[in-house]
Amino acid sequence: MPQDSERRLAFGLAAEEYDLVRPGYPAALVDAVLAHCGGTGVRAVEAGAGTGKATRAFAARGLRIAAVEPDPAMAGILAASCTGYRGVSVVVGAFEGYLPAEPCGLLFSAQAWHWIDPAVRWDHAAAVLAAGGSLALFWNFDRIIDDAIQDEVTRAHRNLTPHISWDTAPVPEDGLFDRWPATEIAGLAAFTGLAARLFRWERVLSRRQYVQYLATHSPYLILDPATRDELFARIASILPSRVPLAEDTVLYLARRTLADGRP
């Protein structure tokens, strides 16, 4: 996936809305990651922590986390929202320039790994992790459950913003290893034991919240304001008062190869 620095640092424009309307992550995902890395005593680094949606879920289970976030506005909400967790330290800066004092047992990234510089992200992940440590990368993908409404929202995008990618197909469970980043991880000598999990769940937003939710995504944050207003007005006119969403959360796990090259 290409990196775009303008889009990567655009989220601070909607940091508060991001924390309010972006989805969290299933408890079963947290369970799976903790089982892979060996439990709550592990020291972790989070790449692209945002406002702490995933940080809080793992901190609540006792993980000690260095949460790295490049956007100051996002990091401000992250720090404020994690004050009750003694094991969380917030690092304001790019993950590519951060190294813990000692290699960690878990490196995780929620909805952010595609923003890490592709020229260095895997080498840096290997440098951050101790031999045998766990890599956990995960993303949410959603769609409006009502197909007719989803089709109308898709049509509004195609008419007004055809350059914005709008893929609402369910994630196929039998194709997880054919998707990025699995296709890259599989060829890396520094990582072994690639595994993938798919979690399906649902949530409901109001009409206003759904439009706010769209507005927290980078293509809309950098969109021409007049076009964005027209698009959002069109979408709001289509939506019912309650908008049920189907969420597909994809998790990729791998293990840092041991120092002598053994898996």
C-alpha atoms as a PDB file:
ATOM      1  CA  MET A   1       0.000   0.000   0.000  1.00  0.00           C
ATOM      2  CA  PRO A   2       1.356   3.426  -0.852  1.00  0.00           C
ATOM      3  CA  GLN A   3       2.157   5.938   1.841  1.00  0.00           C
ATOM      4  CA  ASP A   4       0.831   9.495   1.543  1.00  0.00           C
ATOM      5  CA  SER A   5       2.221  11.846   4.205  1.00  0.00           C
ATOM      6  CA  GLU A   6      -0.543  14.424   3.683  1.00  0.00           C
ATOM      7  CA  ARG A   7      -3.240  11.828   4.361  1.00  0.00           C
ATOM      8  CA  ARG A   8      -1.274  10.188   7.179  1.00  0.00           C
ATOM      9  CA  LEU A   9      -1.198  13.433   9.150  1.00  0.00           C
ATOM     10  CA  ALA A  10      -4.716  14.590   8.260  1.00  0.00           C
ATOM     11  CA  PHE A  11      -6.488  12.702  11.043  1.00  0.00           C
ATOM     12  CA  GLY A  12      -5.735  15.360  13.644  1.00  0.00           C
ATOM     13  CA  LEU A  13      -8.243  17.582  11.826  1.00  0.00           C
ATOM     14  CA  ALA A  14     -10.987  15.332  13.182  1.00  0.00           C
ATOM     15  CA  ALA A  15      -9.335  13.840  16.265  1.00  0.00           C
ATOM     16  CA  GLU A  16     -12.310  14.242  18.613  1.00  0.00           C
ATOM     17  CA  GLU A  17     -14.782  12.823  16.082  1.00  0.00           C
ATOM     18  CA  TYR A  18     -12.362   9.969  15.387  1.00  0.00           C
ATOM     19  CA  ASP A  19     -12.409   8.920  19.028  1.00  0.00           C
ATOM     20  CA  LEU A  20     -16.186   9.246  19.253  1.00  0.00           C
ATOM     21  CA  VAL A  21     -17.359   7.407  16.137  1.00  0.00           C
ATOM     22  CA  ARG A  22     -14.587   5.086  14.960  1.00  0.00           C
ATOM     23  CA  PRO A  23     -15.231   1.459  15.942  1.00  0.00           C
ATOM     24  CA  GLY A  24     -13.264  -0.321  18.611  1.00  0.00           C
ATOM     25  CA  TYR A  25     -12.062  -3.923  18.368  1.00  0.00           C
ATOM     26  CA  PRO A  26     -13.666  -7.201  19.462  1.00  0.00           C
ATOM     27  CA  ALA A  27     -12.682  -8.665  22.826  1.00  0.00           C
ATOM     28  CA  ALA A  28     -11.990 -11.943  21.016  1.00  0.00           C
ATOM     29  CA  LEU A  29      -9.263 -10.179  19.004  1.00  0.00           C
ATOM     30  CA  VAL A  30      -7.576  -8.972  22.192  1.00  0.00           C
ATOM     31  CA  ASP A  31      -7.782 -12.526  23.537  1.00  0.00           C
ATOM     32  CA  ALA A  32      -6.159 -13.907  20.382  1.00  0.00           C
ATOM     33  CA  VAL A  33      -3.288 -11.414  20.480  1.00  0.00           C
ATOM     34  CA  LEU A  34      -2.612 -11.996  24.185  1.00  0.00           C
ATOM     35  CA  ALA A  35      -2.640 -15.768  23.668  1.00  0.00           C
ATOM     36  CA  HIS A  36      -0.097 -15.378  20.868  1.00  0.00           C
ATOM     37  CA  CYS A  37       2.299 -13.099  22.763  1.00  0.00           C
ATOM     38  CA  GLY A  38       2.122 -14.932  26.081  1.00  0.00           C
ATOM     39  CA  GLY A  39      -0.141 -12.782  28.207  1.00  0.00           C
ATOM     40  CA  THR A  40      -0.320  -9.493  30.034  1.00  0.00           C
ATOM     41  CA  GLY A  41       3.241  -9.401  31.396  1.00  0.00           C
ATOM     42  CA  VAL A  42       4.649  -8.646  27.950  1.00  0.00           C
ATOM     43  CA  ARG A  43       5.980  -5.176  27.080  1.00  0.00           C
ATOM     44  CA  ALA A  44       4.346  -3.858  23.911  1.00  0.00           C
ATOM     45  CA  VAL A  45       4.860  -1.131  21.329  1.00  0.00           C
ATOM     46  CA  GLU A  46       1.887   0.202  19.387  1.00  0.00           C
ATOM     47  CA  ALA A  47       2.535   1.774  15.985  1.00  0.00           C
ATOM     48  CA  GLY A  48       0.113   4.558  15.055  1.00  0.00           C
ATOM     49  CA  ALA A  49      -1.931   4.525  18.251  1.00  0.00           C
ATOM     50  CA  GLY A  50      -4.337   7.267  17.110  1.00  0.00           C
ATOM     51  CA  THR A  51      -6.637   8.344  19.919  1.00  0.00           C
ATOM     52  CA  GLY A  52      -6.200   5.051  21.770  1.00  0.00           C
ATOM     53  CA  LYS A  53      -9.091   2.908  20.525  1.00  0.00           C
ATOM     54  CA  ALA A  54      -6.929  -0.238  20.641  1.00  0.00           C
ATOM     55  CA  THR A  55      -4.526   1.071  23.289  1.00  0.00           C
ATOM     56  CA  ARG A  56      -7.240   1.155  25.921  1.00  0.00           C
ATOM     57  CA  ALA A  57      -8.484  -2.336  25.049  1.00  0.00           C
ATOM     58  CA  PHE A  58      -5.033  -3.821  25.633  1.00  0.00           C
ATOM     59  CA  ALA A  59      -4.151  -1.595  28.583  1.00  0.00           C
ATOM     60  CA  ALA A  60      -7.316  -2.740  30.327  1.00  0.00           C
ATOM     61  CA  ARG A  61      -5.882  -6.253  30.186  1.00  0.00           C
ATOM     62  CA  GLY A  62      -2.689  -5.166  31.924  1.00  0.00           C
ATOM     63  CA  LEU A  63      -0.259  -4.703  29.039  1.00  0.00           C
ATOM     64  CA  ARG A  64       2.574  -2.197  29.400  1.00  0.00           C
ATOM     65  CA  ILE A  65       2.424  -0.191  26.189  1.00  0.00           C
ATOM     66  CA  ALA A  66       4.562   2.440  24.505  1.00  0.00           C
ATOM     67  CA  ALA A  67       1.883   4.010  22.286  1.00  0.00           C
ATOM     68  CA  VAL A  68       3.543   5.803  19.364  1.00  0.00           C
ATOM     69  CA  GLU A  69       1.484   8.377  17.443  1.00  0.00           C
ATOM     70  CA  PRO A  70       2.809  11.016  14.992  1.00  0.00           C
ATOM     71  CA  ASP A  71      -0.125  13.451  15.048  1.00  0.00           C
ATOM     72  CA  PRO A  72      -0.065  15.803  18.089  1.00  0.00           C
ATOM     73  CA  ALA A  73      -3.845  16.272  18.159  1.00  0.00           C
ATOM     74  CA  MET A  74      -4.477  12.533  18.096  1.00  0.00           C
ATOM     75  CA  ALA A  75      -1.731  11.968  20.673  1.00  0.00           C
ATOM     76  CA  GLY A  76      -3.329  14.554  22.976  1.00  0.00           C
ATOM     77  CA  ILE A  77      -6.596  12.611  23.104  1.00  0.00           C
ATOM     78  CA  LEU A  78      -4.628   9.371  23.416  1.00  0.00           C
ATOM     79  CA  ALA A  79      -2.760  10.654  26.467  1.00  0.00           C
ATOM     80  CA  ALA A  80      -5.903  12.041  28.107  1.00  0.00           C
ATOM     81  CA  SER A  81      -7.890   8.863  27.511  1.00  0.00           C
ATOM     82  CA  CYS A  82      -5.173   6.620  28.960  1.00  0.00           C
ATOM     83  CA  THR A  83      -4.503   8.494  32.203  1.00  0.00           C
ATOM     84  CA  GLY A  84      -6.146   5.706  34.176  1.00  0.00           C
ATOM     85  CA  TYR A  85      -3.727   3.085  32.847  1.00  0.00           C
ATOM     86  CA  ARG A  86      -0.371   3.221  34.594  1.00  0.00           C
ATOM     87  CA  GLY A  87       1.280   0.961  32.032  1.00  0.00           C
ATOM     88  CA  VAL A  88       0.743   3.281  29.059  1.00  0.00           C
ATOM     89  CA  SER A  89       3.364   5.798  27.923  1.00  0.00           C
ATOM     90  CA  VAL A  90       2.610   8.034  24.944  1.00  0.00           C
ATOM     91  CA  VAL A  91       5.347   8.787  22.414  1.00  0.00           C
ATOM     92  CA  VAL A  92       4.577  11.676  20.054  1.00  0.00           C
ATOM     93  CA  GLY A  93       6.460  10.941  16.864  1.00  0.00           C
ATOM     94  CA  ALA A  94       6.765   8.607  13.918  1.00  0.00           C
ATOM     95  CA  PHE A  95       7.059   4.892  14.561  1.00  0.00           C
ATOM     96  CA  GLU A  96       9.839   4.741  11.969  1.00  0.00           C
ATOM     97  CA  GLY A  97      12.056   6.809  14.288  1.00  0.00           C
ATOM     98  CA  TYR A  98      11.209   5.053  17.551  1.00  0.00           C
ATOM     99  CA  LEU A  99      13.154   2.246  19.222  1.00  0.00           C
ATOM    100  CA  PRO A 100      12.356   1.003  22.730  1.00  0.00           C
ATOM    101  CA  ALA A 101      15.180   0.747  25.250  1.00  0.00           C
ATOM    102  CA  GLU A 102      14.929  -3.031  24.866  1.00  0.00           C
ATOM    103  CA  PRO A 103      13.219  -5.109  22.164  1.00  0.00           C
ATOM    104  CA  CYS A 104       9.595  -5.780  23.069  1.00  0.00           C
ATOM    105  CA  GLY A 105       7.511  -8.935  23.155  1.00  0.00           C
ATOM    106  CA  LEU A 106       4.594  -7.514  21.148  1.00  0.00           C
ATOM    107  CA  LEU A 107       4.331  -4.985  18.349  1.00  0.00           C
ATOM    108  CA  PHE A 108       0.752  -4.198  17.382  1.00  0.00           C
ATOM    109  CA  SER A 109      -0.895  -1.728  15.056  1.00  0.00           C
ATOM    110  CA  ALA A 110      -4.610  -1.030  14.713  1.00  0.00           C
ATOM    111  CA  GLN A 111      -5.840   0.521  11.491  1.00  0.00           C
ATOM    112  CA  ALA A 112      -2.446   2.139  10.906  1.00  0.00           C
ATOM    113  CA  TRP A 113       0.220  -0.189   9.524  1.00  0.00           C
ATOM    114  CA  HIS A 114      -0.454   0.861   5.911  1.00  0.00           C
ATOM    115  CA  TRP A 115       0.658   4.391   6.889  1.00  0.00           C
ATOM    116  CA  ILE A 116       4.115   3.236   8.011  1.00  0.00           C
ATOM    117  CA  ASP A 117       6.821   3.973   5.432  1.00  0.00           C
ATOM    118  CA  PRO A 118       6.960   0.865   3.206  1.00  0.00           C
ATOM    119  CA  ALA A 119      10.690   1.338   2.633  1.00  0.00           C
ATOM    120  CA  VAL A 120      11.484   0.638   6.295  1.00  0.00           C
ATOM    121  CA  ARG A 121       8.400  -0.738   8.055  1.00  0.00           C
ATOM    122  CA  TRP A 122       9.333  -4.438   8.090  1.00  0.00           C
ATOM    123  CA  ASP A 123      12.979  -3.913   8.988  1.00  0.00           C
ATOM    124  CA  HIS A 124      11.960  -1.549  11.758  1.00  0.00           C
ATOM    125  CA  ALA A 125       9.340  -3.973  13.040  1.00  0.00           C
ATOM    126  CA  ALA A 126      12.032  -6.640  13.227  1.00  0.00           C
ATOM    127  CA  ALA A 127      14.326  -4.245  15.113  1.00  0.00           C
ATOM    128  CA  VAL A 128      11.613  -3.348  17.638  1.00  0.00           C
ATOM    129  CA  LEU A 129      10.683  -6.968  18.406  1.00  0.00           C
ATOM    130  CA  ALA A 130      12.637  -9.427  20.533  1.00  0.00           C
ATOM    131  CA  ALA A 131      13.405 -12.829  19.010  1.00  0.00           C
ATOM    132  CA  GLY A 132      10.219 -14.882  19.219  1.00  0.00           C
ATOM    133  CA  GLY A 133       8.114 -11.747  19.806  1.00  0.00           C
ATOM    134  CA  SER A 134       4.636 -11.282  18.322  1.00  0.00           C
ATOM    135  CA  LEU A 135       3.545  -9.015  15.490  1.00  0.00           C
ATOM    136  CA  ALA A 136      -0.194  -8.221  15.433  1.00  0.00           C
ATOM    137  CA  LEU A 137      -1.704  -6.066  12.685  1.00  0.00           C
ATOM    138  CA  PHE A 138      -5.437  -5.507  12.391  1.00  0.00           C
ATOM    139  CA  TRP A 139      -8.049  -3.457  10.573  1.00  0.00           C
ATOM    140  CA  ASN A 140     -11.809  -2.876  10.563  1.00  0.00           C
ATOM    141  CA  PHE A 141     -13.792  -2.931   7.317  1.00  0.00           C
ATOM    142  CA  ASP A 142     -17.484  -2.075   7.305  1.00  0.00           C
ATOM    143  CA  ARG A 143     -20.561  -1.773   5.152  1.00  0.00           C
ATOM    144  CA  ILE A 144     -24.153  -0.691   5.633  1.00  0.00           C
ATOM    145  CA  ILE A 145     -26.211  -3.822   6.259  1.00  0.00           C
ATOM    146  CA  ASP A 146     -29.171  -2.645   4.169  1.00  0.00           C
ATOM    147  CA  ASP A 147     -27.993  -3.391   0.614  1.00  0.00           C
ATOM    148  CA  ALA A 148     -30.360  -0.900  -1.024  1.00  0.00           C
ATOM    149  CA  ILE A 149     -29.106   1.965   1.143  1.00  0.00           C
ATOM    150  CA  GLN A 150     -25.497   0.878   0.641  1.00  0.00           C
ATOM    151  CA  ASP A 151     -26.047   0.924  -3.129  1.00  0.00           C
ATOM    152  CA  GLU A 152     -27.435   4.473  -2.967  1.00  0.00           C
ATOM    153  CA  VAL A 153     -24.473   5.683  -0.885  1.00  0.00           C
ATOM    154  CA  THR A 154     -22.109   4.009  -3.362  1.00  0.00           C
ATOM    155  CA  ARG A 155     -23.896   5.743  -6.249  1.00  0.00           C
ATOM    156  CA  ALA A 156     -23.463   9.128  -4.532  1.00  0.00           C
ATOM    157  CA  HIS A 157     -19.725   8.474  -4.293  1.00  0.00           C
ATOM    158  CA  ARG A 158     -19.464   7.456  -7.935  1.00  0.00           C
ATOM    159  CA  ASN A 159     -21.342  10.563  -9.045  1.00  0.00           C
ATOM    160  CA  LEU A 160     -19.558  13.140  -6.887  1.00  0.00           C
ATOM    161  CA  THR A 161     -16.203  11.624  -5.880  1.00  0.00           C
ATOM    162  CA  PRO A 162     -15.340   8.852  -8.351  1.00  0.00           C
ATOM    163  CA  HIS A 163     -11.669   9.010  -7.299  1.00  0.00           C
ATOM    164  CA  ILE A 164     -12.465   7.798  -3.774  1.00  0.00           C
ATOM    165  CA  SER A 165     -12.130   4.038  -3.460  1.00  0.00           C
ATOM    166  CA  TRP A 166     -15.353   2.653  -2.042  1.00  0.00           C
ATOM    167  CA  ASP A 167     -15.135  -1.111  -1.513  1.00  0.00           C
ATOM    168  CA  THR A 168     -17.952  -2.450   0.654  1.00  0.00           C
ATOM    169  CA  ALA A 169     -17.733  -6.152  -0.199  1.00  0.00           C
ATOM    170  CA  PRO A 170     -17.561  -8.494   2.818  1.00  0.00           C
ATOM    171  CA  VAL A 171     -14.071  -9.755   3.594  1.00  0.00           C
ATOM    172  CA  PRO A 172     -13.885 -13.373   2.324  1.00  0.00           C
ATOM    173  CA  GLU A 173     -12.678 -15.695   5.065  1.00  0.00           C
ATOM    174  CA  ASP A 174     -11.024 -18.041   2.588  1.00  0.00           C
ATOM    175  CA  GLY A 175      -8.970 -15.239   1.028  1.00  0.00           C
ATOM    176  CA  LEU A 176      -7.231 -13.727   4.049  1.00  0.00           C
ATOM    177  CA  PHE A 177      -3.785 -14.892   2.954  1.00  0.00           C
ATOM    178  CA  ASP A 178      -4.275 -13.370  -0.499  1.00  0.00           C
ATOM    179  CA  ARG A 179      -4.587  -9.863   0.962  1.00  0.00           C
ATOM    180  CA  TRP A 180      -1.971  -7.339   2.008  1.00  0.00           C
ATOM    181  CA  PRO A 181      -0.099  -7.489   4.392  1.00  0.00           C
ATOM    182  CA  ALA A 182      -0.158 -11.306   4.376  1.00  0.00           C
ATOM    183  CA  THR A 183       1.305 -11.314   0.875  1.00  0.00           C
ATOM    184  CA  GLU A 184       4.341  -9.348   2.122  1.00  0.00           C
ATOM    185  CA  ILE A 185       4.798 -11.021   5.498  1.00  0.00           C
ATOM    186  CA  ALA A 186       4.883 -14.455   3.879  1.00  0.00           C
ATOM    187  CA  GLY A 187       8.092 -13.554   2.044  1.00  0.00           C
ATOM    188  CA  LEU A 188       9.985 -12.024   4.982  1.00  0.00           C
ATOM    189  CA  ALA A 189      12.840 -13.959   6.582  1.00  0.00           C
ATOM    190  CA  ALA A 190      12.458 -11.926   9.781  1.00  0.00           C
ATOM    191  CA  PHE A 191       8.957 -13.313  10.480  1.00  0.00           C
ATOM    192  CA  THR A 192       7.461 -16.758  10.634  1.00  0.00           C
ATOM    193  CA  GLY A 193       4.222 -18.523  11.552  1.00  0.00           C
ATOM    194  CA  LEU A 194       1.873 -16.188   9.693  1.00  0.00           C
ATOM    195  CA  ALA A 195      -1.719 -16.617  10.885  1.00  0.00           C
ATOM    196  CA  ALA A 196      -4.946 -14.772  10.131  1.00  0.00           C
ATOM    197  CA  ARG A 197      -8.304 -14.407  11.873  1.00  0.00           C
ATOM    198  CA  LEU A 198     -11.559 -12.781  10.812  1.00  0.00           C
ATOM    199  CA  PHE A 199     -14.048 -11.416  13.355  1.00  0.00           C
ATOM    200  CA  ARG A 200     -17.551 -10.450  12.206  1.00  0.00           C
ATOM    201  CA  TRP A 201     -19.732  -8.191  14.353  1.00  0.00           C
ATOM    202  CA  GLU A 202     -22.217  -5.341  14.082  1.00  0.00           C
ATOM    203  CA  ARG A 203     -22.755  -1.850  15.438  1.00  0.00           C
ATOM    204  CA  VAL A 204     -25.334   0.896  14.936  1.00  0.00           C
ATOM    205  CA  LEU A 205     -24.751   4.592  14.269  1.00  0.00           C
ATOM    206  CA  SER A 206     -27.221   7.420  13.950  1.00  0.00           C
ATOM    207  CA  ARG A 207     -27.495   9.239  10.624  1.00  0.00           C
ATOM    208  CA  ARG A 208     -25.385  12.109  12.008  1.00  0.00           C
ATOM    209  CA  GLN A 209     -22.795   9.733  13.458  1.00  0.00           C
ATOM    210  CA  TYR A 210     -22.412   7.892  10.167  1.00  0.00           C
ATOM    211  CA  VAL A 211     -21.649  11.107   8.314  1.00  0.00           C
ATOM    212  CA  GLN A 212     -19.225  12.055  11.105  1.00  0.00           C
ATOM    213  CA  TYR A 213     -17.658   8.616  10.763  1.00  0.00           C
ATOM    214  CA  LEU A 214     -17.048   9.088   7.042  1.00  0.00           C
ATOM    215  CA  ALA A 215     -15.537  12.494   7.788  1.00  0.00           C
ATOM    216  CA  THR A 216     -12.808  10.893   9.924  1.00  0.00           C
ATOM    217  CA  HIS A 217     -11.340   9.051   6.915  1.00  0.00           C
ATOM    218  CA  SER A 218      -8.423  10.613   5.099  1.00  0.00           C
ATOM    219  CA  PRO A 219      -9.949  10.844   1.574  1.00  0.00           C
ATOM    220  CA  TYR A 220     -12.697  13.080   2.965  1.00  0.00           C
ATOM    221  CA  LEU A 221     -10.405  15.081   5.245  1.00  0.00           C
ATOM    222  CA  ILE A 222      -8.388  16.290   2.252  1.00  0.00           C
ATOM    223  CA  LEU A 223     -11.384  16.630  -0.074  1.00  0.00           C
ATOM    224  CA  ASP A 224     -12.387  20.027  -1.441  1.00  0.00           C
ATOM    225  CA  PRO A 225     -14.818  21.431   1.195  1.00  0.00           C
ATOM    226  CA  ALA A 226     -17.576  22.245  -1.288  1.00  0.00           C
ATOM    227  CA  THR A 227     -17.481  18.758  -2.785  1.00  0.00           C
ATOM    228  CA  ARG A 228     -17.359  17.189   0.665  1.00  0.00           C
ATOM    229  CA  ASP A 229     -20.391  19.188   1.833  1.00  0.00           C
ATOM    230  CA  GLU A 230     -22.353  18.205  -1.277  1.00  0.00           C
ATOM    231  CA  LEU A 231     -21.433  14.543  -0.881  1.00  0.00           C
ATOM    232  CA  PHE A 232     -22.324  14.436   2.800  1.00  0.00           C
ATOM    233  CA  ALA A 233     -25.627  16.229   2.211  1.00  0.00           C
ATOM    234  CA  ARG A 234     -26.486  13.675  -0.477  1.00  0.00           C
ATOM    235  CA  ILE A 235     -25.585  10.768   1.809  1.00  0.00           C
ATOM    236  CA  ALA A 236     -27.539  12.222   4.747  1.00  0.00           C
ATOM    237  CA  SER A 237     -30.632  12.457   2.537  1.00  0.00           C
ATOM    238  CA  ILE A 238     -30.319   8.736   1.770  1.00  0.00           C
ATOM    239  CA  LEU A 239     -29.752   7.392   5.274  1.00  0.00           C
ATOM    240  CA  PRO A 240     -32.417   6.305   7.766  1.00  0.00           C
ATOM    241  CA  SER A 241     -32.258   7.635  11.316  1.00  0.00           C
ATOM    242  CA  ARG A 242     -30.401   4.473  12.460  1.00  0.00           C
ATOM    243  CA  VAL A 243     -27.644   2.932  10.344  1.00  0.00           C
ATOM    244  CA  PRO A 244     -26.724  -0.684  11.225  1.00  0.00           C
ATOM    245  CA  LEU A 245     -23.200  -1.574  10.076  1.00  0.00           C
ATOM    246  CA  ALA A 246     -21.566  -4.951   9.521  1.00  0.00           C
ATOM    247  CA  GLU A 247     -17.953  -4.897  10.728  1.00  0.00           C
ATOM    248  CA  ASP A 248     -15.268  -7.280   9.479  1.00  0.00           C
ATOM    249  CA  THR A 249     -12.133  -7.114  11.618  1.00  0.00           C
ATOM    250  CA  VAL A 250      -9.077  -8.784  10.092  1.00  0.00           C
ATOM    251  CA  LEU A 251      -6.139  -9.787  12.307  1.00  0.00           C
ATOM    252  CA  TYR A 252      -2.713 -10.917  11.101  1.00  0.00           C
ATOM    253  CA  LEU A 253      -0.259 -12.523  13.502  1.00  0.00           C
ATOM    254  CA  ALA A 254       3.376 -13.510  12.984  1.00  0.00           C
ATOM    255  CA  ARG A 255       6.396 -14.237  15.134  1.00  0.00           C
ATOM    256  CA  ARG A 256       9.841 -12.648  15.013  1.00  0.00           C
ATOM    257  CA  THR A 257      12.334 -15.221  13.805  1.00  0.00           C
ATOM    258  CA  LEU A 258      14.762 -16.357  16.493  1.00  0.00           C
ATOM    259  CA  ALA A 259      18.245 -14.847  16.548  1.00  0.00           C
ATOM    260  CA  ASP A 260      19.842 -17.923  14.986  1.00  0.00           C
ATOM    261  CA  GLY A 261      17.353 -17.892  12.128  1.00  0.00           C
ATOM    262  CA  ARG A 262      15.177 -20.712  13.477  1.00  0.00           C
ATOM    263  CA  PRO A 263      11.380 -20.218  13.383  1.00  0.00           C
END
